[in-house]
Protein backbone atom coordinates (compact mmCIF):
# COMPACT_ATOMS: atom_id res chain seq x y z
CA MET A 1 -1.24 -28.05 9.44
CA HIS A 2 -3.31 -24.84 9.48
CA ALA A 3 -6.87 -24.25 8.36
CA MET A 4 -6.39 -21.36 5.97
CA GLY A 5 -9.25 -19.31 4.55
CA THR A 6 -8.07 -18.15 1.12
CA TYR A 7 -10.05 -15.47 -0.68
CA LEU A 8 -9.99 -14.42 -4.32
CA ILE A 9 -10.71 -10.70 -4.68
CA TYR A 10 -11.59 -9.10 -8.03
CA VAL A 11 -11.17 -5.33 -8.32
CA ASP A 12 -12.34 -2.73 -10.84
CA GLU A 13 -13.16 0.97 -10.88
CA SER A 14 -15.68 3.40 -12.32
CA TYR A 15 -15.31 7.18 -12.26
CA ASP A 16 -16.23 10.53 -13.74
CA ASP A 17 -14.90 14.05 -13.29
CA ASP A 18 -16.28 14.25 -9.74
CA MET A 19 -16.08 10.81 -8.11
CA PHE A 20 -13.78 7.80 -8.19
CA CYS A 21 -15.28 4.45 -7.16
CA LEU A 22 -13.35 1.24 -6.56
CA SER A 23 -15.20 -2.01 -5.86
CA ALA A 24 -13.87 -5.44 -4.92
CA LEU A 25 -15.73 -8.75 -5.16
CA GLN A 26 -14.53 -11.29 -2.60
CA LEU A 27 -15.05 -15.04 -3.02
CA ARG A 28 -13.75 -17.94 -0.96
CA ALA A 29 -11.29 -19.92 -3.06
CA GLU A 30 -13.16 -23.16 -2.46
CA ASP A 31 -16.31 -21.57 -3.93
CA TRP A 32 -14.67 -20.27 -7.11
CA ARG A 33 -15.61 -23.18 -9.35
CA ASP A 34 -19.28 -23.05 -8.34
CA ALA A 35 -19.26 -19.27 -8.75
CA PHE A 36 -17.72 -19.51 -12.20
CA ARG A 37 -20.27 -22.13 -13.23
CA THR A 38 -23.09 -19.85 -12.06
CA VAL A 39 -21.74 -16.90 -14.06
CA LYS A 40 -21.15 -18.99 -17.16
CA GLU A 41 -24.72 -20.31 -17.02
CA HIS A 42 -26.03 -16.74 -16.79
CA ARG A 43 -23.91 -15.69 -19.75
CA ALA A 44 -25.21 -18.67 -21.71
CA GLN A 45 -28.75 -17.48 -20.97
CA LEU A 46 -27.85 -14.00 -22.24
CA ARG A 47 -26.50 -15.59 -25.39
CA GLU A 48 -29.82 -17.35 -25.94
CA SER A 49 -32.03 -14.39 -25.03
CA HIS A 50 -30.03 -11.47 -26.47
CA SER A 51 -27.35 -13.04 -28.71
CA ILE A 52 -24.48 -11.81 -26.51
CA PRO A 53 -21.51 -14.15 -27.14
CA LEU A 54 -19.86 -15.68 -24.08
CA ARG A 55 -16.49 -14.31 -25.18
CA LYS A 56 -17.79 -10.76 -25.64
CA GLU A 57 -16.85 -8.33 -22.88
CA ILE A 58 -19.76 -6.72 -21.07
CA HIS A 59 -18.74 -3.20 -20.09
CA ALA A 60 -21.28 -1.56 -17.79
CA ARG A 61 -20.96 2.01 -19.04
CA ALA A 62 -21.43 1.05 -22.69
CA LEU A 63 -24.21 -1.43 -21.89
CA VAL A 64 -26.29 1.03 -19.87
CA GLY A 65 -25.46 3.98 -22.11
CA GLY A 66 -26.84 2.20 -25.18
CA ARG A 67 -23.85 2.89 -27.38
CA GLY A 68 -24.31 -0.15 -29.59
CA GLN A 69 -21.88 -2.29 -27.60
CA LEU A 70 -22.38 -6.06 -27.82
CA GLY A 71 -24.33 -5.71 -31.05
CA LEU A 72 -27.49 -4.78 -29.13
CA ASN A 73 -28.54 -2.04 -31.52
CA ASN A 74 -32.03 -3.53 -31.73
CA ILE A 75 -32.50 -3.60 -27.94
CA GLY A 76 -33.76 -0.50 -26.20
CA LYS A 77 -32.36 1.16 -23.11
CA TRP A 78 -35.07 -0.23 -20.84
CA GLU A 79 -34.11 -3.80 -21.66
CA ARG A 80 -30.43 -2.92 -21.37
CA SER A 81 -31.15 -1.65 -17.86
CA ARG A 82 -32.82 -5.00 -17.10
CA ILE A 83 -29.75 -6.87 -18.35
CA PHE A 84 -27.61 -4.69 -16.09
CA TYR A 85 -29.92 -5.29 -13.11
CA GLY A 86 -29.72 -9.03 -13.77
CA LEU A 87 -25.92 -8.90 -13.71
CA LEU A 88 -26.00 -7.18 -10.30
CA GLU A 89 -28.42 -9.84 -9.04
CA LEU A 90 -26.03 -12.46 -10.37
CA VAL A 91 -23.30 -11.13 -8.06
CA THR A 92 -25.53 -11.80 -5.04
CA LYS A 93 -26.10 -15.40 -6.16
CA LEU A 94 -22.42 -16.30 -6.10
CA PRO A 95 -21.52 -18.42 -3.07
CA SER A 96 -19.73 -16.45 -0.35
CA ALA A 97 -19.76 -13.21 -2.41
CA ARG A 98 -18.99 -10.05 -0.42
CA LEU A 99 -18.15 -6.51 -1.54
CA TYR A 100 -15.67 -3.84 -0.46
CA ASN A 101 -16.36 -0.33 -1.80
CA ILE A 102 -14.30 2.86 -1.87
CA VAL A 103 -15.69 6.27 -2.94
CA LEU A 104 -13.41 9.32 -3.19
CA THR A 105 -14.06 12.85 -4.38
CA VAL A 106 -11.74 13.53 -7.32
CA ARG A 107 -11.32 17.23 -6.61
CA GLY A 108 -8.26 17.90 -4.49
CA GLU A 109 -6.78 14.40 -4.89
CA ALA A 110 -3.43 14.11 -6.65
CA ASP A 111 -4.17 10.50 -7.63
CA PRO A 112 -7.57 9.22 -6.49
CA GLN A 113 -7.02 5.78 -8.05
CA LEU A 114 -3.87 4.99 -6.06
CA LYS A 115 -5.39 6.46 -2.91
CA ALA A 116 -8.45 4.25 -3.42
CA TRP A 117 -6.19 1.21 -3.79
CA ASP A 118 -4.40 2.14 -0.55
CA ARG A 119 -7.74 2.32 1.26
CA LEU A 120 -8.97 -0.93 -0.27
CA LEU A 121 -5.86 -2.94 0.60
CA ASN A 122 -5.96 -1.67 4.18
CA ARG A 123 -9.62 -2.65 4.54
CA ILE A 124 -9.01 -6.11 3.12
CA ASP A 125 -6.07 -6.72 5.44
CA ARG A 126 -7.93 -5.33 8.45
CA THR A 127 -11.03 -7.40 7.75
CA LEU A 128 -9.03 -10.60 7.39
CA ARG A 129 -7.21 -9.74 10.62
CA PHE A 130 -10.56 -9.32 12.39
CA VAL A 131 -11.88 -12.62 11.01
CA GLU A 132 -8.68 -14.35 12.13
CA GLU A 133 -9.03 -13.00 15.67
CA ARG A 134 -12.71 -13.96 15.82
CA GLU A 135 -12.00 -17.45 14.52
CA ARG A 136 -9.14 -17.87 16.97
CA THR A 137 -11.52 -17.22 19.88
CA VAL A 138 -14.12 -19.67 18.55
CA ARG A 139 -11.56 -22.37 17.85
CA ARG A 140 -9.93 -22.01 21.24
CA GLY A 141 -13.31 -22.84 22.74
CA ILE A 142 -13.58 -25.94 20.57
CA HIS A 143 -10.04 -26.95 21.49
CA ALA A 144 -10.84 -26.61 25.19
CA VAL A 145 -13.76 -29.01 24.79
CA VAL A 146 -11.58 -31.50 22.92
CA ALA A 147 -8.84 -31.23 25.56
CA GLN A 148 -11.36 -31.89 28.33
CA HIS A 149 -13.12 -34.85 26.75
CA ALA A 150 -10.41 -36.34 24.51
CA PRO A 151 -7.02 -35.12 25.78
CA GLN A 152 -5.17 -37.55 23.53
CA LEU A 153 -6.46 -35.54 20.54
CA ALA A 154 -5.70 -32.09 21.96
CA ASP A 155 -2.39 -31.49 20.18
CA SER A 156 -3.78 -32.65 16.85
CA ALA A 157 -6.90 -30.53 17.30
CA GLU A 158 -4.85 -27.43 18.10
CA LEU A 159 -3.01 -27.74 14.80
CA ARG A 160 -6.13 -28.36 12.77
CA LEU A 161 -8.21 -25.66 14.41
CA SER A 162 -5.78 -22.80 13.84
CA TYR A 163 -6.88 -20.30 11.19
CA LYS A 164 -5.02 -17.92 8.90
CA GLY A 165 -7.00 -15.87 6.36
CA ARG A 166 -5.23 -14.78 3.17
CA ALA A 167 -6.26 -13.01 -0.05
CA ILE A 168 -5.14 -12.94 -3.69
CA ILE A 169 -6.00 -9.84 -5.74
CA PHE A 170 -7.11 -9.88 -9.38
CA ALA A 171 -7.43 -6.55 -11.19
CA ASP A 172 -8.10 -5.13 -14.62
CA GLU A 173 -5.03 -4.25 -16.64
CA GLY A 174 -3.97 -0.63 -16.66
CA ARG A 175 -1.70 0.90 -14.07
CA ASN A 176 -0.05 -2.40 -13.22
CA VAL A 177 3.34 -1.02 -12.18
CA GLU A 178 2.02 1.75 -9.93
CA ILE A 179 -0.56 -0.45 -8.18
CA THR A 180 2.01 -3.20 -7.63
CA ARG A 181 4.38 -0.63 -6.17
CA VAL A 182 1.68 0.57 -3.76
CA MET A 183 1.03 -2.98 -2.57
CA ARG A 184 4.72 -3.79 -2.13
CA LYS A 185 5.28 -0.62 -0.13
CA MET A 186 2.31 -1.39 2.13
CA ASN A 187 3.76 -4.84 2.80
CA VAL A 188 6.65 -3.07 4.54
CA HIS A 189 5.63 0.49 5.44
CA ASN A 190 1.97 1.26 6.12
CA PRO A 191 1.52 4.02 8.72
CA ILE A 192 -1.99 4.03 10.19
CA PRO A 193 -3.24 7.03 12.22
CA SER A 194 -4.99 6.26 15.48
CA ALA A 195 -8.74 6.81 15.67
CA TYR A 196 -8.25 7.88 19.28
CA GLY A 197 -5.64 10.60 19.00
CA GLY A 198 -2.45 8.57 18.96
CA TRP A 199 -0.61 5.33 19.63
CA PRO A 200 1.92 4.83 22.47
CA GLU A 201 4.68 5.19 19.87
CA GLY A 202 3.25 8.31 18.21
CA MET A 203 0.48 9.61 15.97
CA THR A 204 0.79 6.69 13.55
CA ARG A 205 1.64 3.00 13.85
CA ASN A 206 3.33 1.00 11.11
CA THR A 207 0.92 -1.83 10.30
CA PRO A 208 2.17 -3.72 7.24
CA THR A 209 -0.43 -5.57 5.18
CA GLU A 210 0.38 -9.21 5.91
CA ARG A 211 -2.65 -11.09 4.64
CA ILE A 212 -2.52 -10.33 0.92
CA ILE A 213 -0.47 -12.88 -1.00
CA GLU A 214 2.03 -11.86 -3.70
CA ASP A 215 1.57 -9.03 -6.21
CA PRO A 216 -1.82 -8.37 -7.80
CA VAL A 217 -2.68 -10.55 -10.78
CA PHE A 218 -3.59 -8.28 -13.69
CA ARG A 219 -5.89 -9.57 -16.41
CA ALA A 220 -7.66 -8.17 -19.43
CA SER A 221 -11.26 -7.74 -18.32
CA GLU A 222 -12.50 -9.18 -21.60
CA SER A 223 -11.06 -12.54 -20.53
CA SER A 224 -12.57 -12.55 -17.01
CA PHE A 225 -16.27 -12.92 -16.24
CA MET A 226 -15.58 -11.91 -12.62
CA LEU A 227 -13.86 -8.64 -13.55
CA GLN A 228 -16.77 -7.80 -15.84
CA LEU A 229 -19.17 -8.35 -12.94
CA VAL A 230 -17.21 -6.13 -10.57
CA ASP A 231 -17.13 -3.47 -13.31
CA CYS A 232 -20.94 -3.54 -13.11
CA VAL A 233 -20.77 -3.20 -9.32
CA ALA A 234 -18.41 -0.21 -9.51
CA PHE A 235 -20.60 1.47 -12.15
CA ALA A 236 -23.72 0.96 -10.03
CA LEU A 237 -21.83 2.46 -7.07
CA LEU A 238 -20.78 5.49 -9.12
CA LYS A 239 -24.34 6.12 -10.27
CA ARG A 240 -25.47 5.88 -6.65
CA GLU A 241 -23.02 8.60 -5.66
CA VAL A 242 -23.43 11.24 -8.38
CA ALA A 243 -26.43 13.24 -9.52
CA PRO A 244 -28.33 11.07 -12.05
CA THR A 245 -28.64 12.12 -15.66
CA PRO A 246 -32.15 11.94 -17.13
CA ASN A 247 -31.33 8.59 -18.74
CA ILE A 248 -29.97 7.08 -15.50
CA LYS A 249 -32.94 8.39 -13.52
CA LYS A 250 -35.48 7.17 -16.09
CA TYR A 251 -34.39 3.55 -15.68
CA GLY A 252 -33.56 3.69 -11.97
CA ILE A 253 -29.88 2.87 -12.38
CA GLN A 254 -28.97 5.13 -9.43
CA LYS A 255 -31.09 2.99 -7.09
CA MET A 256 -29.83 -0.44 -8.15
CA PHE A 257 -26.78 -0.62 -5.88
CA ASP A 258 -28.91 -0.30 -2.75
CA GLN A 259 -31.75 -2.41 -4.12
CA VAL A 260 -29.56 -5.35 -5.08
CA LEU A 261 -26.14 -5.23 -3.44
CA ALA A 262 -26.62 -3.73 0.03
CA ASP A 263 -26.87 -7.09 1.80
CA ILE A 264 -23.49 -8.35 0.58
CA CYS A 265 -21.49 -5.20 1.33
CA ILE A 266 -18.84 -5.64 4.02
CA LYS A 267 -20.30 -3.11 6.43
CA ALA A 268 -17.46 -3.45 8.92
CA ALA A 269 -15.12 -1.81 6.39
CA SER A 270 -16.31 1.61 7.58
CA ARG A 271 -18.01 2.43 10.85
CA THR A 272 -19.26 5.77 9.51
CA ASP A 273 -21.24 4.48 6.51
CA PRO A 274 -24.30 2.18 6.74
CA LEU A 275 -23.03 0.07 3.82
CA GLY A 276 -19.40 0.13 4.90
CA ILE A 277 -18.38 2.39 2.00
CA VAL A 278 -14.97 3.94 2.67
CA ARG A 279 -15.01 7.65 1.82
CA LYS A 280 -11.68 9.12 2.93
């Protein structure tokens, strides 16, 4: 018997001609039901306050841009920006919510989306590997105490204190075949360059991604509250990274990522960025 930490990770992107942003919302599997209940309650409040049906997809770009989406023609852009801000705040209220973020410059990239997915999957696998190693150290200490004070329970404790972290990916429909192919390849062949000039076996080391379960699960974002939320995260990230238009600047959209989401970013994902944003 192993104690396994299983994570559900929801992924969506936002981009323009200059930047490609990919964000991933991570939740512990045991927290999913509480998280879903929290999101559904928020959506019910939006239905009461702004007549947005629960089944209606909220798409960040259309919501913030004021293009009449959701039947909000009678609601001005200021209030739309407040709805958007509230959705970002909602992400931080979900139990165990954490964020991975990838930002790539489009210019010079043959396929920034697939490159961003490569970077994301590596960071997820590496982070789960780190958590597993940290947990192993902590649990060995606990096992040593059990072995000293209750040796008859030592074997049972060793089994129950072992830890293996795993993740399941959920993504918006689109390039299903190509993204699945990337993940399958990385499960077998995933050369990682050394940060220190080389490995004993050469400049790269094959480090297959072992902690992501199965192929990605692709869903229509209109049927997933969680994918709609991570769409908002990715859009907020994009507006953080590019020069704001007058409309974005007027309502402070470019500042919302840092104002709301900074504390739940997985900062260990990149040692060179204060929020852990992966940029190459």
